[in-house]
Amino acid sequence: MVWQKPGSTGNADMLRVMNPTGQYQYGYVRFYNKHGQPIALDGKPGSKATTHIPMKPDGTYPLPAGW
């Protein structure tokens, strides 16, 4: 699933909720800043490992700083 701020283009201001995988049993989320960069929990752009935020068994997930 993808949610994006109205009027945004590309990957800007977007949240992607991804299905479970072998690495992420409950799925994961990715947040993108206004520049379309994936961000980590500290709110800054990061690597693939830090920007894939694991979902908890109940479907919740932590939010990046400033989100």
PDB file of N, CA and C in Angstrom:
ATOM      1  N   MET A   1       0.850  -1.176   0.000  1.00  0.00           N
ATOM      2  CA  MET A   1       0.000   0.000   0.000  1.00  0.00           C
ATOM      3  C   MET A   1       0.891   1.234   0.000  1.00  0.00           C
ATOM      4  N   VAL A   2       0.405   2.259  -0.623  1.00  0.00           N
ATOM      5  CA  VAL A   2       1.169   3.507  -0.695  1.00  0.00           C
ATOM      6  C   VAL A   2       0.249   4.668  -0.323  1.00  0.00           C
ATOM      7  N   TRP A   3       0.730   5.519   0.558  1.00  0.00           N
ATOM      8  CA  TRP A   3       0.043   6.775   0.866  1.00  0.00           C
ATOM      9  C   TRP A   3       1.005   7.900   0.531  1.00  0.00           C
ATOM     10  N   GLN A   4       0.460   8.953  -0.091  1.00  0.00           N
ATOM     11  CA  GLN A   4       1.299  10.078  -0.474  1.00  0.00           C
ATOM     12  C   GLN A   4       0.538  11.376  -0.279  1.00  0.00           C
ATOM     13  N   LYS A   5       1.264  12.374   0.178  1.00  0.00           N
ATOM     14  CA  LYS A   5       0.688  13.696   0.380  1.00  0.00           C
ATOM     15  C   LYS A   5       0.127  14.202  -0.947  1.00  0.00           C
ATOM     16  N   PRO A   6      -1.108  14.701  -0.963  1.00  0.00           N
ATOM     17  CA  PRO A   6      -1.677  15.224  -2.215  1.00  0.00           C
ATOM     18  C   PRO A   6      -0.777  16.287  -2.825  1.00  0.00           C
ATOM     19  N   GLY A   7      -0.624  16.198  -4.128  1.00  0.00           N
ATOM     20  CA  GLY A   7       0.203  17.157  -4.848  1.00  0.00           C
ATOM     21  C   GLY A   7       1.668  16.769  -4.960  1.00  0.00           C
ATOM     22  N   SER A   8       2.082  15.749  -4.213  1.00  0.00           N
ATOM     23  CA  SER A   8       3.476  15.304  -4.279  1.00  0.00           C
ATOM     24  C   SER A   8       3.702  14.486  -5.541  1.00  0.00           C
ATOM     25  N   THR A   9       4.932  14.478  -6.001  1.00  0.00           N
ATOM     26  CA  THR A   9       5.268  13.700  -7.193  1.00  0.00           C
ATOM     27  C   THR A   9       6.439  12.777  -6.890  1.00  0.00           C
ATOM     28  N   GLY A  10       6.614  11.769  -7.724  1.00  0.00           N
ATOM     29  CA  GLY A  10       7.697  10.810  -7.513  1.00  0.00           C
ATOM     30  C   GLY A  10       7.510  10.099  -6.186  1.00  0.00           C
ATOM     31  N   ASN A  11       8.577   9.992  -5.422  1.00  0.00           N
ATOM     32  CA  ASN A  11       8.514   9.351  -4.105  1.00  0.00           C
ATOM     33  C   ASN A  11       8.380  10.356  -2.959  1.00  0.00           C
ATOM     34  N   ALA A  12       8.223  11.614  -3.245  1.00  0.00           N
ATOM     35  CA  ALA A  12       8.182  12.644  -2.205  1.00  0.00           C
ATOM     36  C   ALA A  12       6.998  12.469  -1.267  1.00  0.00           C
ATOM     37  N   ASP A  13       7.250  12.713   0.028  1.00  0.00           N
ATOM     38  CA  ASP A  13       6.209  12.707   1.068  1.00  0.00           C
ATOM     39  C   ASP A  13       5.333  11.461   0.975  1.00  0.00           C
ATOM     40  N   MET A  14       5.969  10.311   1.045  1.00  0.00           N
ATOM     41  CA  MET A  14       5.257   9.058   0.823  1.00  0.00           C
ATOM     42  C   MET A  14       5.548   8.051   1.922  1.00  0.00           C
ATOM     43  N   LEU A  15       4.582   7.181   2.148  1.00  0.00           N
ATOM     44  CA  LEU A  15       4.710   6.046   3.058  1.00  0.00           C
ATOM     45  C   LEU A  15       4.338   4.800   2.274  1.00  0.00           C
ATOM     46  N   ARG A  16       5.222   3.807   2.301  1.00  0.00           N
ATOM     47  CA  ARG A  16       4.958   2.523   1.649  1.00  0.00           C
ATOM     48  C   ARG A  16       4.871   1.444   2.711  1.00  0.00           C
ATOM     49  N   VAL A  17       3.813   0.665   2.684  1.00  0.00           N
ATOM     50  CA  VAL A  17       3.632  -0.462   3.601  1.00  0.00           C
ATOM     51  C   VAL A  17       3.798  -1.727   2.776  1.00  0.00           C
ATOM     52  N   MET A  18       4.779  -2.529   3.136  1.00  0.00           N
ATOM     53  CA  MET A  18       5.146  -3.690   2.345  1.00  0.00           C
ATOM     54  C   MET A  18       4.727  -4.996   3.026  1.00  0.00           C
ATOM     55  N   ASN A  19       4.431  -5.995   2.221  1.00  0.00           N
ATOM     56  CA  ASN A  19       4.023  -7.313   2.710  1.00  0.00           C
ATOM     57  C   ASN A  19       5.171  -8.023   3.417  1.00  0.00           C
ATOM     58  N   PRO A  20       4.847  -9.042   4.209  1.00  0.00           N
ATOM     59  CA  PRO A  20       5.899  -9.846   4.845  1.00  0.00           C
ATOM     60  C   PRO A  20       6.841 -10.454   3.805  1.00  0.00           C
ATOM     61  N   THR A  21       8.079 -10.632   4.236  1.00  0.00           N
ATOM     62  CA  THR A  21       9.108 -11.280   3.413  1.00  0.00           C
ATOM     63  C   THR A  21       9.855 -12.266   4.296  1.00  0.00           C
ATOM     64  N   GLY A  22      10.812 -12.955   3.742  1.00  0.00           N
ATOM     65  CA  GLY A  22      11.633 -13.852   4.538  1.00  0.00           C
ATOM     66  C   GLY A  22      12.404 -13.116   5.614  1.00  0.00           C
ATOM     67  N   GLN A  23      12.768 -11.876   5.337  1.00  0.00           N
ATOM     68  CA  GLN A  23      13.540 -11.067   6.304  1.00  0.00           C
ATOM     69  C   GLN A  23      12.643 -10.293   7.258  1.00  0.00           C
ATOM     70  N   TYR A  24      11.433  -9.945   6.813  1.00  0.00           N
ATOM     71  CA  TYR A  24      10.514  -9.144   7.622  1.00  0.00           C
ATOM     72  C   TYR A  24       9.218  -9.935   7.778  1.00  0.00           C
ATOM     73  N   GLN A  25       9.149 -10.711   8.831  1.00  0.00           N
ATOM     74  CA  GLN A  25       8.036 -11.635   9.053  1.00  0.00           C
ATOM     75  C   GLN A  25       6.671 -10.960   9.037  1.00  0.00           C
ATOM     76  N   TYR A  26       6.593  -9.750   9.551  1.00  0.00           N
ATOM     77  CA  TYR A  26       5.312  -9.037   9.627  1.00  0.00           C
ATOM     78  C   TYR A  26       5.198  -7.908   8.604  1.00  0.00           C
ATOM     79  N   GLY A  27       6.172  -7.791   7.727  1.00  0.00           N
ATOM     80  CA  GLY A  27       6.198  -6.715   6.760  1.00  0.00           C
ATOM     81  C   GLY A  27       7.078  -5.571   7.249  1.00  0.00           C
ATOM     82  N   TYR A  28       7.155  -4.542   6.437  1.00  0.00           N
ATOM     83  CA  TYR A  28       7.954  -3.377   6.814  1.00  0.00           C
ATOM     84  C   TYR A  28       7.376  -2.144   6.148  1.00  0.00           C
ATOM     85  N   VAL A  29       7.811  -0.993   6.619  1.00  0.00           N
ATOM     86  CA  VAL A  29       7.370   0.275   6.039  1.00  0.00           C
ATOM     87  C   VAL A  29       8.597   1.086   5.633  1.00  0.00           C
ATOM     88  N   ARG A  30       8.378   1.976   4.668  1.00  0.00           N
ATOM     89  CA  ARG A  30       9.413   2.934   4.270  1.00  0.00           C
ATOM     90  C   ARG A  30       8.754   4.305   4.181  1.00  0.00           C
ATOM     91  N   PHE A  31       9.393   5.271   4.788  1.00  0.00           N
ATOM     92  CA  PHE A  31       8.956   6.655   4.747  1.00  0.00           C
ATOM     93  C   PHE A  31       9.907   7.418   3.838  1.00  0.00           C
ATOM     94  N   TYR A  32       9.351   8.356   3.068  1.00  0.00           N
ATOM     95  CA  TYR A  32      10.159   9.169   2.156  1.00  0.00           C
ATOM     96  C   TYR A  32       9.952  10.645   2.489  1.00  0.00           C
ATOM     97  N   ASN A  33      11.047  11.412   2.484  1.00  0.00           N
ATOM     98  CA  ASN A  33      10.959  12.838   2.797  1.00  0.00           C
ATOM     99  C   ASN A  33      10.478  13.650   1.588  1.00  0.00           C
ATOM    100  N   LYS A  34      10.485  14.959   1.712  1.00  0.00           N
ATOM    101  CA  LYS A  34       9.978  15.825   0.646  1.00  0.00           C
ATOM    102  C   LYS A  34      10.848  15.790  -0.608  1.00  0.00           C
ATOM    103  N   HIS A  35      12.053  15.225  -0.490  1.00  0.00           N
ATOM    104  CA  HIS A  35      12.954  15.106  -1.636  1.00  0.00           C
ATOM    105  C   HIS A  35      12.877  13.721  -2.286  1.00  0.00           C
ATOM    106  N   GLY A  36      11.994  12.859  -1.754  1.00  0.00           N
ATOM    107  CA  GLY A  36      11.849  11.514  -2.299  1.00  0.00           C
ATOM    108  C   GLY A  36      12.893  10.529  -1.802  1.00  0.00           C
ATOM    109  N   GLN A  37      13.612  10.904  -0.731  1.00  0.00           N
ATOM    110  CA  GLN A  37      14.640  10.033  -0.174  1.00  0.00           C
ATOM    111  C   GLN A  37      14.045   9.182   0.940  1.00  0.00           C
ATOM    112  N   PRO A  38      14.346   7.881   0.986  1.00  0.00           N
ATOM    113  CA  PRO A  38      13.882   7.069   2.103  1.00  0.00           C
ATOM    114  C   PRO A  38      14.604   7.501   3.372  1.00  0.00           C
ATOM    115  N   ILE A  39      13.869   7.554   4.489  1.00  0.00           N
ATOM    116  CA  ILE A  39      14.466   8.026   5.742  1.00  0.00           C
ATOM    117  C   ILE A  39      14.426   6.943   6.820  1.00  0.00           C
ATOM    118  N   ALA A  40      15.380   7.044   7.733  1.00  0.00           N
ATOM    119  CA  ALA A  40      15.495   6.147   8.879  1.00  0.00           C
ATOM    120  C   ALA A  40      14.693   6.725  10.054  1.00  0.00           C
ATOM    121  N   LEU A  41      14.720   6.024  11.173  1.00  0.00           N
ATOM    122  CA  LEU A  41      13.954   6.478  12.342  1.00  0.00           C
ATOM    123  C   LEU A  41      14.452   7.802  12.908  1.00  0.00           C
ATOM    124  N   ASP A  42      15.691   8.185  12.601  1.00  0.00           N
ATOM    125  CA  ASP A  42      16.181   9.490  13.067  1.00  0.00           C
ATOM    126  C   ASP A  42      15.692  10.634  12.182  1.00  0.00           C
ATOM    127  N   GLY A  43      14.910  10.302  11.134  1.00  0.00           N
ATOM    128  CA  GLY A  43      14.357  11.313  10.243  1.00  0.00           C
ATOM    129  C   GLY A  43      15.286  11.739   9.122  1.00  0.00           C
ATOM    130  N   LYS A  44      16.458  11.098   9.034  1.00  0.00           N
ATOM    131  CA  LYS A  44      17.441  11.453   8.014  1.00  0.00           C
ATOM    132  C   LYS A  44      17.534  10.354   6.958  1.00  0.00           C
ATOM    133  N   PRO A  45      17.909  10.710   5.727  1.00  0.00           N
ATOM    134  CA  PRO A  45      18.094   9.689   4.701  1.00  0.00           C
ATOM    135  C   PRO A  45      19.098   8.644   5.174  1.00  0.00           C
ATOM    136  N   GLY A  46      18.844   7.405   4.784  1.00  0.00           N
ATOM    137  CA  GLY A  46      19.729   6.348   5.237  1.00  0.00           C
ATOM    138  C   GLY A  46      19.835   5.217   4.243  1.00  0.00           C
ATOM    139  N   SER A  47      20.525   4.185   4.661  1.00  0.00           N
ATOM    140  CA  SER A  47      20.746   3.005   3.834  1.00  0.00           C
ATOM    141  C   SER A  47      19.478   2.149   3.765  1.00  0.00           C
ATOM    142  N   LYS A  48      19.497   1.182   2.879  1.00  0.00           N
ATOM    143  CA  LYS A  48      18.370   0.264   2.753  1.00  0.00           C
ATOM    144  C   LYS A  48      18.090  -0.412   4.096  1.00  0.00           C
ATOM    145  N   ALA A  49      19.145  -0.804   4.792  1.00  0.00           N
ATOM    146  CA  ALA A  49      18.978  -1.489   6.078  1.00  0.00           C
ATOM    147  C   ALA A  49      18.308  -0.603   7.131  1.00  0.00           C
ATOM    148  N   THR A  50      18.604   0.690   7.127  1.00  0.00           N
ATOM    149  CA  THR A  50      18.039   1.566   8.164  1.00  0.00           C
ATOM    150  C   THR A  50      16.698   2.169   7.776  1.00  0.00           C
ATOM    151  N   THR A  51      16.359   2.116   6.482  1.00  0.00           N
ATOM    152  CA  THR A  51      15.097   2.721   6.050  1.00  0.00           C
ATOM    153  C   THR A  51      13.980   1.694   5.853  1.00  0.00           C
ATOM    154  N   HIS A  52      14.289   0.407   5.991  1.00  0.00           N
ATOM    155  CA  HIS A  52      13.264  -0.635   6.011  1.00  0.00           C
ATOM    156  C   HIS A  52      12.904  -0.819   7.483  1.00  0.00           C
ATOM    157  N   ILE A  53      11.767  -0.288   7.886  1.00  0.00           N
ATOM    158  CA  ILE A  53      11.370  -0.282   9.294  1.00  0.00           C
ATOM    159  C   ILE A  53      10.416  -1.448   9.544  1.00  0.00           C
ATOM    160  N   PRO A  54      10.840  -2.441  10.331  1.00  0.00           N
ATOM    161  CA  PRO A  54      10.018  -3.629  10.556  1.00  0.00           C
ATOM    162  C   PRO A  54       8.699  -3.311  11.257  1.00  0.00           C
ATOM    163  N   MET A  55       7.651  -3.983  10.794  1.00  0.00           N
ATOM    164  CA  MET A  55       6.348  -3.873  11.451  1.00  0.00           C
ATOM    165  C   MET A  55       6.312  -4.852  12.616  1.00  0.00           C
ATOM    166  N   LYS A  56       5.529  -4.523  13.635  1.00  0.00           N
ATOM    167  CA  LYS A  56       5.337  -5.384  14.794  1.00  0.00           C
ATOM    168  C   LYS A  56       4.214  -6.380  14.493  1.00  0.00           C
ATOM    169  N   PRO A  57       4.107  -7.452  15.282  1.00  0.00           N
ATOM    170  CA  PRO A  57       3.059  -8.447  15.041  1.00  0.00           C
ATOM    171  C   PRO A  57       1.649  -7.863  14.994  1.00  0.00           C
ATOM    172  N   ASP A  58       1.403  -6.768  15.728  1.00  0.00           N
ATOM    173  CA  ASP A  58       0.064  -6.170  15.745  1.00  0.00           C
ATOM    174  C   ASP A  58      -0.163  -5.193  14.584  1.00  0.00           C
ATOM    175  N   GLY A  59       0.814  -5.082  13.678  1.00  0.00           N
ATOM    176  CA  GLY A  59       0.665  -4.219  12.512  1.00  0.00           C
ATOM    177  C   GLY A  59       1.127  -2.787  12.725  1.00  0.00           C
ATOM    178  N   THR A  60       1.578  -2.448  13.901  1.00  0.00           N
ATOM    179  CA  THR A  60       2.062  -1.091  14.158  1.00  0.00           C
ATOM    180  C   THR A  60       3.551  -0.995  13.817  1.00  0.00           C
ATOM    181  N   TYR A  61       4.048   0.238  13.797  1.00  0.00           N
ATOM    182  CA  TYR A  61       5.449   0.482  13.490  1.00  0.00           C
ATOM    183  C   TYR A  61       5.829   1.834  14.071  1.00  0.00           C
ATOM    184  N   PRO A  62       7.122   2.008  14.397  1.00  0.00           N
ATOM    185  CA  PRO A  62       7.571   3.308  14.908  1.00  0.00           C
ATOM    186  C   PRO A  62       7.585   4.348  13.783  1.00  0.00           C
ATOM    187  N   LEU A  63       7.442   5.594  14.165  1.00  0.00           N
ATOM    188  CA  LEU A  63       7.475   6.696  13.193  1.00  0.00           C
ATOM    189  C   LEU A  63       8.827   7.390  13.243  1.00  0.00           C
ATOM    190  N   PRO A  64       9.346   7.789  12.098  1.00  0.00           N
ATOM    191  CA  PRO A  64      10.603   8.544  12.082  1.00  0.00           C
ATOM    192  C   PRO A  64      10.441   9.902  12.774  1.00  0.00           C
ATOM    193  N   ALA A  65      11.521  10.403  13.297  1.00  0.00           N
ATOM    194  CA  ALA A  65      11.530  11.723  13.933  1.00  0.00           C
ATOM    195  C   ALA A  65      10.975  12.758  12.964  1.00  0.00           C
ATOM    196  N   GLY A  66      10.057  13.585  13.418  1.00  0.00           N
ATOM    197  CA  GLY A  66       9.499  14.660  12.612  1.00  0.00           C
ATOM    198  C   GLY A  66       8.409  14.247  11.648  1.00  0.00           C
ATOM    199  N   TRP A  67       8.041  12.988  11.647  1.00  0.00           N
ATOM    200  CA  TRP A  67       7.016  12.537  10.681  1.00  0.00           C
ATOM    201  C   TRP A  67       5.643  12.934  11.122  1.00  0.00           C
TER     202      TRP A  67
END
